[in-house]
């Protein structure tokens, strides 16, 4: 075979559509498109969004295309609309998933912004419930035991831009006022830094400071220990099936005990709208949610709580209602039991896993939008995308595109390492290690194949393998 050489080519003026090169597409997106088509997703969202468009004029972007683009952002790990628009325009497989021909232009990021601003938050919530109903039809939603946990989302605002609520001064102007109060007229930058280092009370609070560009964001400590302007995202997860049954985005300075009842009520409403007849009977949370008022309120609603209590030397019940003491002691008894330990292990494993998928690999940790409503819209759709990925994985055995590539690369690396180490011979230590790794990689491959076969056999069953 002769050496091929790259030469500049001149494109033809007219190309028949039959000669246009097209890729086979990813199996995940092909199956997802089939599932959404059989469920009538496009007809549902078009009917849902029709009232927010005019009767005449130039046809806009179909709502089904917009929501699919947001789903692509989760599956591809893209956190910005610009990245989503570029990825959809560049990939032939994603064009087929969106239903856009090779001769058509894909929507730009500005169009996505206009559609998001036009549609209210209730539309995004109904799309989330629609996806949840697909899981309910496949028997993937139990709904009896729900775990609730929260995380912080980094806001699209910088700490350097915060201003005081009373005077509107930024940080530098605030330090200049302190310097003048100390008798320093026209302080230099070095004197301001020295004054700031010598101050004892250097904490900033949400009662005194705010962001001028994103007033809804709040000063909070992130997961990595940094102080940043952020939002608080809370998930209610079915501990058996790992499905997200409700999600809320609220202010970062709102306590867990204040936000938990709202999330639990929303979870019960979503389950009812999705067609589930099961009522929430058990709520599992971490010790940050332990509050006497919350325990008594949930006990009054008939929900059994499994919330570990905080460390406290003594407790006094003489100045508290009797209902709070009864709820506290019942919760303590359930937490210390075997079922309470198991449910808390599931919460720490499965509820935290949803944040890893949505925020880390799904590109949802950093919010490039401003305002609590906009952040909530995007986070709700990312949680709906998570549920779709869960549906395809548990029923048809299809992993997300990025997860499948990572698993294949890891398996190839293990096999390559095992073969290299096995080359010196079985009598030497590297050879024995190589054969050992080769056996483990072969076993993992057999387990993956067996898992795929078993899940494929359970496609038409009402209860899928959990």
Protein backbone atom coordinates (compact mmCIF):
# COMPACT_ATOMS: atom_id res chain seq x y z
CA UNK A 1 0.00 0.00 0.00
CA UNK A 2 1.42 3.36 -1.02
CA UNK A 3 1.80 6.29 1.34
CA UNK A 4 -1.20 8.58 1.32
CA UNK A 5 -0.56 12.28 1.12
CA UNK A 6 -2.87 15.04 2.28
CA UNK A 7 -3.70 17.51 -0.48
CA UNK A 8 -5.90 20.61 -0.45
CA UNK A 9 -9.28 19.92 -1.97
CA UNK A 10 -11.89 22.16 -3.48
CA UNK A 11 -15.44 21.43 -2.39
CA UNK A 12 -18.00 20.68 -5.04
CA UNK A 13 -20.74 23.21 -5.61
CA UNK A 14 -23.60 20.68 -5.49
CA UNK A 15 -23.50 17.45 -3.51
CA UNK A 16 -26.33 14.87 -3.59
CA UNK A 17 -27.76 14.08 -0.20
CA UNK A 18 -27.09 10.37 -0.73
CA UNK A 19 -23.35 11.04 -0.97
CA UNK A 20 -23.10 12.99 2.28
CA UNK A 21 -21.07 11.03 4.82
CA UNK A 22 -22.95 10.11 7.98
CA UNK A 23 -21.82 8.29 11.10
CA UNK A 24 -23.62 5.34 12.67
CA UNK A 25 -24.50 7.38 15.76
CA UNK A 26 -24.07 6.40 19.38
CA UNK A 27 -26.27 3.51 20.64
CA UNK A 28 -27.14 5.50 23.74
CA UNK A 29 -28.57 8.45 21.83
CA UNK A 30 -30.32 6.16 19.32
CA UNK A 31 -32.09 4.27 22.11
CA UNK A 32 -32.87 7.48 24.00
CA UNK A 33 -34.43 8.97 20.87
CA UNK A 34 -36.52 5.83 20.47
CA UNK A 35 -37.68 5.94 24.10
CA UNK A 36 -38.63 9.61 23.86
CA UNK A 37 -40.39 9.04 20.54
CA UNK A 38 -42.47 6.14 21.84
CA UNK A 39 -43.45 8.16 24.91
CA UNK A 40 -44.60 11.12 22.80
CA UNK A 41 -42.09 13.53 24.28
CA UNK A 42 -42.14 16.03 21.40
CA UNK A 43 -45.93 16.23 21.28
CA UNK A 44 -46.03 16.67 25.06
CA UNK A 45 -43.56 19.58 25.20
CA UNK A 46 -45.03 21.26 22.13
CA UNK A 47 -48.49 21.23 23.70
CA UNK A 48 -46.97 22.38 26.98
CA UNK A 49 -45.13 25.35 25.43
CA UNK A 50 -47.74 26.38 22.84
CA UNK A 51 -49.32 29.03 25.08
CA UNK A 52 -46.01 30.92 25.34
CA UNK A 53 -45.68 31.42 21.57
CA UNK A 54 -47.61 33.61 19.15
CA UNK A 55 -50.17 32.18 16.75
CA UNK A 56 -48.45 33.52 13.63
CA UNK A 57 -45.01 34.54 12.51
CA UNK A 58 -41.80 32.68 11.68
CA UNK A 59 -41.66 29.19 13.24
CA UNK A 60 -39.23 29.04 16.13
CA UNK A 61 -37.02 26.24 17.39
CA UNK A 62 -39.12 23.19 18.34
CA UNK A 63 -39.28 22.76 22.12
CA UNK A 64 -38.25 19.11 21.75
CA UNK A 65 -34.98 20.22 20.13
CA UNK A 66 -34.26 22.69 22.93
CA UNK A 67 -34.86 20.20 25.72
CA UNK A 68 -32.76 17.61 23.89
CA UNK A 69 -29.89 20.09 23.70
CA UNK A 70 -30.03 20.61 27.44
CA UNK A 71 -30.01 16.83 27.93
CA UNK A 72 -26.92 16.65 25.71
CA UNK A 73 -25.23 19.14 28.01
CA UNK A 74 -25.62 16.70 30.89
CA UNK A 75 -24.63 13.57 28.98
CA UNK A 76 -21.56 15.25 27.45
CA UNK A 77 -20.51 17.05 30.65
CA UNK A 78 -20.93 20.56 29.20
CA UNK A 79 -21.72 23.33 31.66
CA UNK A 80 -22.34 26.25 29.26
CA UNK A 81 -24.82 26.89 26.47
CA UNK A 82 -22.02 27.93 24.11
CA UNK A 83 -20.38 24.55 24.56
CA UNK A 84 -23.66 22.74 23.99
CA UNK A 85 -24.40 24.68 20.80
CA UNK A 86 -20.89 24.06 19.42
CA UNK A 87 -21.01 20.34 20.25
CA UNK A 88 -24.39 19.88 18.57
CA UNK A 89 -23.21 21.69 15.44
CA UNK A 90 -20.01 19.63 15.26
CA UNK A 91 -21.36 16.09 15.78
CA UNK A 92 -23.29 14.17 13.12
CA UNK A 93 -24.60 11.75 15.74
CA UNK A 94 -26.01 14.56 17.87
CA UNK A 95 -27.56 16.12 14.77
CA UNK A 96 -29.41 12.85 14.20
CA UNK A 97 -30.49 12.84 17.85
CA UNK A 98 -31.87 16.37 17.46
CA UNK A 99 -33.50 15.59 14.11
CA UNK A 100 -31.50 18.28 12.27
CA UNK A 101 -30.26 17.53 8.75
CA UNK A 102 -26.75 18.07 7.48
CA UNK A 103 -27.92 21.06 5.43
CA UNK A 104 -29.68 22.74 8.38
CA UNK A 105 -28.20 25.03 11.01
CA UNK A 106 -28.28 23.98 14.65
CA UNK A 107 -29.62 26.46 17.24
CA UNK A 108 -27.09 28.92 18.64
CA UNK A 109 -26.61 29.66 22.32
CA UNK A 110 -28.52 32.96 22.06
CA UNK A 111 -31.62 31.08 20.89
CA UNK A 112 -31.34 28.75 23.88
CA UNK A 113 -31.25 31.78 26.17
CA UNK A 114 -34.38 33.28 24.60
CA UNK A 115 -36.31 30.02 24.94
CA UNK A 116 -35.23 29.58 28.56
CA UNK A 117 -36.35 33.11 29.41
CA UNK A 118 -39.68 32.66 27.63
CA UNK A 119 -40.67 29.43 29.38
CA UNK A 120 -41.64 29.62 33.07
CA UNK A 121 -40.21 27.35 35.73
CA UNK A 122 -43.40 25.29 35.86
CA UNK A 123 -42.73 23.98 32.34
CA UNK A 124 -39.35 22.59 33.41
CA UNK A 125 -40.97 20.97 36.44
CA UNK A 126 -43.56 19.26 34.23
CA UNK A 127 -40.84 17.95 31.94
CA UNK A 128 -39.14 16.50 35.01
CA UNK A 129 -42.40 14.80 36.06
CA UNK A 130 -42.83 13.43 32.52
CA UNK A 131 -39.42 11.75 32.71
CA UNK A 132 -40.22 10.47 36.20
CA UNK A 133 -43.39 8.89 34.82
CA UNK A 134 -41.28 6.91 32.33
CA UNK A 135 -39.39 5.38 35.25
CA UNK A 136 -42.66 4.65 37.00
CA UNK A 137 -43.96 2.78 33.94
CA UNK A 138 -40.87 0.54 34.00
CA UNK A 139 -41.22 -0.13 37.73
CA UNK A 140 -38.11 1.84 38.69
CA UNK A 141 -39.78 4.07 41.28
CA UNK A 142 -40.59 2.69 44.71
CA UNK A 143 -41.32 5.92 46.62
CA UNK A 144 -41.65 4.42 50.08
CA UNK A 145 -38.22 5.50 51.42
CA UNK A 146 -36.76 8.84 50.32
CA UNK A 147 -33.32 10.24 51.13
CA UNK A 148 -32.77 14.01 51.16
CA UNK A 149 -29.41 15.75 50.92
CA UNK A 150 -28.08 19.08 49.69
CA UNK A 151 -24.97 20.53 48.05
CA UNK A 152 -23.72 23.95 46.98
CA UNK A 153 -23.60 25.24 43.40
CA UNK A 154 -21.06 27.91 42.53
CA UNK A 155 -22.83 31.06 41.37
CA UNK A 156 -21.84 33.20 38.41
CA UNK A 157 -20.57 36.01 40.63
CA UNK A 158 -17.24 36.87 42.29
CA UNK A 159 -16.55 37.66 45.92
CA UNK A 160 -14.46 40.65 44.82
CA UNK A 161 -17.56 42.37 43.45
CA UNK A 162 -19.73 42.22 46.60
CA UNK A 163 -21.11 45.51 47.96
CA UNK A 164 -22.71 46.53 51.23
CA UNK A 165 -26.48 46.51 51.28
CA UNK A 166 -26.82 49.70 53.31
CA UNK A 167 -24.37 52.01 51.52
CA UNK A 168 -23.56 50.24 48.24
CA UNK A 169 -19.82 50.46 48.91
CA UNK A 170 -17.51 47.82 47.54
CA UNK A 171 -14.73 46.23 49.61
CA UNK A 172 -12.12 48.86 48.78
CA UNK A 173 -14.41 51.76 49.56
CA UNK A 174 -15.40 50.07 52.81
CA UNK A 175 -11.72 49.79 53.84
CA UNK A 176 -11.13 53.42 52.93
CA UNK A 177 -13.96 54.42 55.26
CA UNK A 178 -12.40 52.37 58.07
CA UNK A 179 -9.03 53.98 57.41
CA UNK A 180 -10.50 57.48 57.65
CA UNK A 181 -12.16 56.50 60.91
CA UNK A 182 -8.70 55.51 62.17
CA UNK A 183 -7.31 58.92 61.17
CA UNK A 184 -5.55 57.84 57.95
CA UNK A 185 -6.29 60.31 55.17
CA UNK A 186 -5.79 59.19 51.53
CA UNK A 187 -4.49 55.70 52.40
CA UNK A 188 -2.38 53.82 49.88
CA UNK A 189 -3.00 50.26 48.70
CA UNK A 190 -0.35 48.94 51.07
CA UNK A 191 -1.88 50.76 54.03
CA UNK A 192 -5.31 49.35 53.18
CA UNK A 193 -3.93 45.82 53.03
CA UNK A 194 -2.12 46.33 56.35
CA UNK A 195 -5.31 47.65 57.93
CA UNK A 196 -7.30 44.73 56.57
CA UNK A 197 -4.83 42.19 57.95
CA UNK A 198 -4.82 43.82 61.41
CA UNK A 199 -8.62 43.84 61.73
CA UNK A 200 -10.15 41.23 64.02
CA UNK A 201 -13.68 41.18 62.66
CA UNK A 202 -13.12 40.34 58.98
CA UNK A 203 -16.07 38.04 58.40
CA UNK A 204 -18.65 38.90 55.77
CA UNK A 205 -22.30 38.05 56.27
CA UNK A 206 -25.25 37.81 53.93
CA UNK A 207 -27.12 40.34 56.07
CA UNK A 208 -24.59 43.06 55.20
CA UNK A 209 -23.14 42.10 51.81
CA UNK A 210 -24.59 41.05 48.46
CA UNK A 211 -23.55 40.64 44.83
CA UNK A 212 -24.66 43.49 42.52
CA UNK A 213 -24.73 41.17 39.49
CA UNK A 214 -26.54 38.23 41.13
CA UNK A 215 -28.48 39.33 44.24
CA UNK A 216 -29.99 35.86 44.70
CA UNK A 217 -26.59 34.27 45.37
CA UNK A 218 -25.37 33.94 48.94
CA UNK A 219 -21.96 33.76 50.60
CA UNK A 220 -21.32 30.13 51.53
CA UNK A 221 -18.52 27.62 52.02
CA UNK A 222 -18.08 25.24 49.10
CA UNK A 223 -17.30 21.53 49.29
CA UNK A 224 -13.58 22.16 48.80
CA UNK A 225 -13.45 24.68 51.67
CA UNK A 226 -13.47 27.86 49.57
CA UNK A 227 -15.80 30.74 50.41
CA UNK A 228 -17.82 31.69 47.36
CA UNK A 229 -21.15 33.06 46.24
CA UNK A 230 -23.36 30.02 45.76
CA UNK A 231 -26.78 28.43 45.63
CA UNK A 232 -28.10 25.41 47.47
CA UNK A 233 -29.39 22.41 45.49
CA UNK A 234 -31.37 19.74 47.32
CA UNK A 235 -32.28 16.27 46.01
CA UNK A 236 -34.92 13.82 47.18
CA UNK A 237 -33.79 10.37 46.03
CA UNK A 238 -35.57 7.04 46.12
CA UNK A 239 -33.12 4.96 48.15
CA UNK A 240 -34.12 1.71 46.43
CA UNK A 241 -34.03 2.71 42.75
CA UNK A 242 -31.66 5.74 43.06
CA UNK A 243 -34.07 7.89 41.05
CA UNK A 244 -34.35 11.60 41.81
CA UNK A 245 -38.00 12.22 42.67
CA UNK A 246 -37.68 15.95 43.49
CA UNK A 247 -35.10 18.73 43.33
CA UNK A 248 -35.08 22.31 44.56
CA UNK A 249 -32.61 25.18 44.22
CA UNK A 250 -32.79 27.75 46.97
CA UNK A 251 -30.61 30.32 48.72
CA UNK A 252 -27.34 28.99 50.10
CA UNK A 253 -27.89 30.49 53.57
CA UNK A 254 -31.16 28.62 54.06
CA UNK A 255 -30.80 25.90 56.69
CA UNK A 256 -31.43 22.24 55.93
CA UNK A 257 -34.30 22.05 58.40
CA UNK A 258 -36.08 24.89 56.55
CA UNK A 259 -35.70 23.48 53.04
CA UNK A 260 -36.34 19.79 53.79
CA UNK A 261 -40.17 20.04 54.26
CA UNK A 262 -40.53 21.82 50.92
CA UNK A 263 -38.45 19.20 49.10
CA UNK A 264 -40.35 16.35 50.76
CA UNK A 265 -43.72 17.86 49.84
CA UNK A 266 -42.55 18.34 46.27
CA UNK A 267 -41.38 14.72 46.15
CA UNK A 268 -44.80 13.49 47.27
CA UNK A 269 -46.51 15.68 44.66
CA UNK A 270 -44.19 14.52 41.86
CA UNK A 271 -44.78 10.87 42.70
CA UNK A 272 -48.52 11.42 42.51
CA UNK A 273 -48.28 13.25 39.19
CA UNK A 274 -46.02 10.53 37.79
CA UNK A 275 -48.69 7.91 38.44
CA UNK A 276 -47.31 6.30 41.58
CA UNK A 277 -49.83 5.19 44.18
CA UNK A 278 -47.23 4.73 46.91
CA UNK A 279 -46.96 7.39 49.62
CA UNK A 280 -43.69 8.41 51.25
CA UNK A 281 -43.42 6.64 54.58
CA UNK A 282 -39.73 7.03 55.51
CA UNK A 283 -37.33 9.99 55.23
CA UNK A 284 -33.57 9.51 55.58
CA UNK A 285 -31.26 12.53 56.07
CA UNK A 286 -27.87 13.33 57.54
CA UNK A 287 -27.29 14.96 60.92
CA UNK A 288 -27.37 18.45 59.41
CA UNK A 289 -31.15 18.05 59.14
CA UNK A 290 -31.63 17.05 62.78
CA UNK A 291 -34.05 19.57 64.26
CA UNK A 292 -36.78 19.07 66.83
CA UNK A 293 -39.32 21.12 64.89
CA UNK A 294 -38.62 19.12 61.71
CA UNK A 295 -38.90 15.79 63.53
CA UNK A 296 -42.23 16.76 65.09
CA UNK A 297 -43.60 18.10 61.78
CA UNK A 298 -42.72 14.93 59.87
CA UNK A 299 -44.09 12.74 62.65
CA UNK A 300 -47.35 14.64 62.45
CA UNK A 301 -47.47 13.94 58.70
CA UNK A 302 -47.00 10.22 59.35
CA UNK A 303 -43.43 10.03 58.01
CA UNK A 304 -40.88 7.99 59.94
CA UNK A 305 -37.53 9.76 60.15
CA UNK A 306 -34.03 8.29 60.23
CA UNK A 307 -31.85 11.32 61.01
CA UNK A 308 -28.67 10.90 63.11
CA UNK A 309 -28.50 13.45 65.92
CA UNK A 310 -25.75 15.94 66.54
CA UNK A 311 -23.41 15.63 69.49
CA UNK A 312 -24.81 17.46 72.49
CA UNK A 313 -23.93 17.12 76.16
CA UNK A 314 -27.37 17.59 77.68
CA UNK A 315 -30.91 18.09 76.43
CA UNK A 316 -33.72 19.87 78.21
CA UNK A 317 -37.35 19.11 77.46
CA UNK A 318 -39.10 21.15 80.12
CA UNK A 319 -39.44 24.18 77.86
CA UNK A 320 -40.41 22.23 74.70
CA UNK A 321 -43.68 20.62 73.58
CA UNK A 322 -44.24 16.98 74.36
CA UNK A 323 -44.58 16.14 70.65
CA UNK A 324 -40.98 17.17 69.99
CA UNK A 325 -39.63 14.92 72.73
CA UNK A 326 -41.65 11.95 71.51
CA UNK A 327 -40.52 12.51 67.91
CA UNK A 328 -36.90 12.90 69.04
CA UNK A 329 -36.85 9.67 71.04
CA UNK A 330 -38.63 7.69 68.33
CA UNK A 331 -36.15 8.95 65.74
CA UNK A 332 -33.22 8.00 68.02
CA UNK A 333 -34.62 4.48 68.47
CA UNK A 334 -35.05 3.98 64.71
CA UNK A 335 -31.60 5.35 63.82
CA UNK A 336 -29.86 2.95 66.21
CA UNK A 337 -31.65 -0.08 64.76
CA UNK A 338 -30.39 -2.29 61.95
CA UNK A 339 -32.80 -0.80 59.42
CA UNK A 340 -31.74 2.72 60.34
CA UNK A 341 -28.07 1.87 59.80
CA UNK A 342 -28.84 0.28 56.44
CA UNK A 343 -30.92 3.25 55.25
CA UNK A 344 -28.21 5.71 56.25
CA UNK A 345 -25.62 3.68 54.36
CA UNK A 346 -27.84 3.79 51.30
CA UNK A 347 -28.31 7.53 51.75
CA UNK A 348 -24.60 8.25 51.95
CA UNK A 349 -23.97 6.08 48.89
CA UNK A 350 -26.89 6.66 46.56
CA UNK A 351 -27.93 10.20 47.37
CA UNK A 352 -24.35 11.46 47.13
CA UNK A 353 -24.01 9.60 43.83
CA UNK A 354 -26.70 11.80 42.28
CA UNK A 355 -24.63 14.89 43.08
CA UNK A 356 -21.56 13.26 41.56
CA UNK A 357 -23.45 12.62 38.32
CA UNK A 358 -25.35 15.90 38.09
CA UNK A 359 -22.73 18.30 39.45
CA UNK A 360 -19.38 16.73 38.62
CA UNK A 361 -19.67 14.63 35.45
CA UNK A 362 -22.85 16.40 34.32
CA UNK A 363 -21.36 19.90 34.39
CA UNK A 364 -23.73 21.28 37.00
CA UNK A 365 -21.37 22.36 39.76
CA UNK A 366 -20.73 25.81 38.23
CA UNK A 367 -23.77 27.90 37.30
CA UNK A 368 -23.14 30.18 34.33
CA UNK A 369 -26.61 31.69 34.70
CA UNK A 370 -27.72 34.35 37.15
CA UNK A 371 -30.81 34.33 39.27
CA UNK A 372 -32.36 31.59 41.36
CA UNK A 373 -35.05 30.90 38.74
CA UNK A 374 -32.59 30.36 35.87
CA UNK A 375 -30.32 28.14 37.95
CA UNK A 376 -33.32 26.10 39.10
CA UNK A 377 -34.52 25.59 35.53
CA UNK A 378 -31.22 24.16 34.35
CA UNK A 379 -30.66 22.04 37.45
CA UNK A 380 -34.15 20.53 37.14
CA UNK A 381 -33.46 19.47 33.55
CA UNK A 382 -30.09 18.00 34.54
CA UNK A 383 -31.85 15.91 37.17
CA UNK A 384 -34.35 14.79 34.51
CA UNK A 385 -31.39 13.81 32.31
CA UNK A 386 -29.98 11.83 35.23
CA UNK A 387 -33.24 9.90 35.48
CA UNK A 388 -33.15 9.19 31.74
CA UNK A 389 -29.63 7.85 32.07
CA UNK A 390 -30.78 5.70 34.99
CA UNK A 391 -33.65 4.37 32.88
CA UNK A 392 -31.42 3.37 29.98
CA UNK A 393 -28.83 1.80 32.27
CA UNK A 394 -31.19 -0.28 34.40
CA UNK A 395 -33.58 -1.42 31.65
CA UNK A 396 -31.39 -1.66 28.54
CA UNK A 397 -27.90 -1.74 30.05
CA UNK A 398 -26.71 1.37 28.17
CA UNK A 399 -24.30 3.69 30.00
CA UNK A 400 -23.80 7.35 29.32
CA UNK A 401 -21.43 8.02 26.40
CA UNK A 402 -18.69 9.47 28.58
CA UNK A 403 -19.02 6.67 31.17
CA UNK A 404 -18.86 3.96 28.51
CA UNK A 405 -15.70 5.44 27.01
CA UNK A 406 -14.07 5.74 30.43
CA UNK A 407 -14.96 2.13 31.32
CA UNK A 408 -13.58 0.85 28.02
CA UNK A 409 -10.37 2.82 28.43
CA UNK A 410 -9.89 1.56 31.98
CA UNK A 411 -10.45 -2.06 30.93
CA UNK A 412 -8.03 -1.68 28.02
CA UNK A 413 -5.42 -0.19 30.36
CA UNK A 414 -5.77 -3.06 32.83
CA UNK A 415 -5.47 -5.67 30.08
CA UNK A 416 -2.45 -3.94 28.53
CA UNK A 417 -0.71 -3.68 31.90
CA UNK A 418 -1.40 -7.34 32.63
CA UNK A 419 0.02 -8.48 29.30
CA UNK A 420 3.16 -6.38 29.73
CA UNK A 421 3.77 -7.68 33.24
CA UNK A 422 3.11 -11.26 32.16
CA UNK A 423 5.82 -11.20 29.48
CA UNK A 424 8.87 -11.91 31.76
CA UNK A 425 7.50 -15.33 32.72
CA UNK A 426 5.28 -16.96 35.25
CA UNK A 427 8.15 -17.89 37.59
CA UNK A 428 9.07 -14.27 38.25
CA UNK A 429 7.13 -11.87 40.44
CA UNK A 430 6.12 -9.47 37.60
CA UNK A 431 4.83 -12.44 35.62
CA UNK A 432 2.68 -13.66 38.48
CA UNK A 433 1.30 -10.15 39.02
CA UNK A 434 0.53 -9.86 35.32
CA UNK A 435 -1.35 -13.16 35.23
CA UNK A 436 -3.23 -12.11 38.36
CA UNK A 437 -4.29 -8.79 36.76
CA UNK A 438 -5.17 -10.56 33.53
CA UNK A 439 -7.48 -12.91 35.42
CA UNK A 440 -9.14 -10.01 37.22
CA UNK A 441 -9.68 -8.07 33.97
CA UNK A 442 -11.14 -11.19 32.33
CA UNK A 443 -13.50 -11.69 35.25
CA UNK A 444 -14.62 -8.06 35.07
CA UNK A 445 -15.26 -8.41 31.36
CA UNK A 446 -17.37 -11.53 31.94
CA UNK A 447 -19.33 -9.72 34.67
CA UNK A 448 -20.03 -6.80 32.34
CA UNK A 449 -21.24 -9.12 29.60
CA UNK A 450 -23.41 -11.12 32.02
CA UNK A 451 -24.87 -7.91 33.48
CA UNK A 452 -25.76 -6.66 30.00
CA UNK A 453 -27.42 -9.98 29.07
CA UNK A 454 -29.47 -10.11 32.26
CA UNK A 455 -30.63 -6.52 31.88
CA UNK A 456 -31.55 -7.14 28.25
CA UNK A 457 -33.72 -10.09 29.32
CA UNK A 458 -35.58 -7.82 31.77
CA UNK A 459 -36.52 -5.20 29.17
CA UNK A 460 -40.24 -5.94 29.13
CA UNK A 461 -40.62 -6.80 32.78
CA UNK A 462 -42.50 -4.47 35.10
CA UNK A 463 -39.85 -4.60 37.81
CA UNK A 464 -36.31 -4.15 36.50
CA UNK A 465 -33.20 -5.37 38.26
CA UNK A 466 -32.06 -2.95 40.94
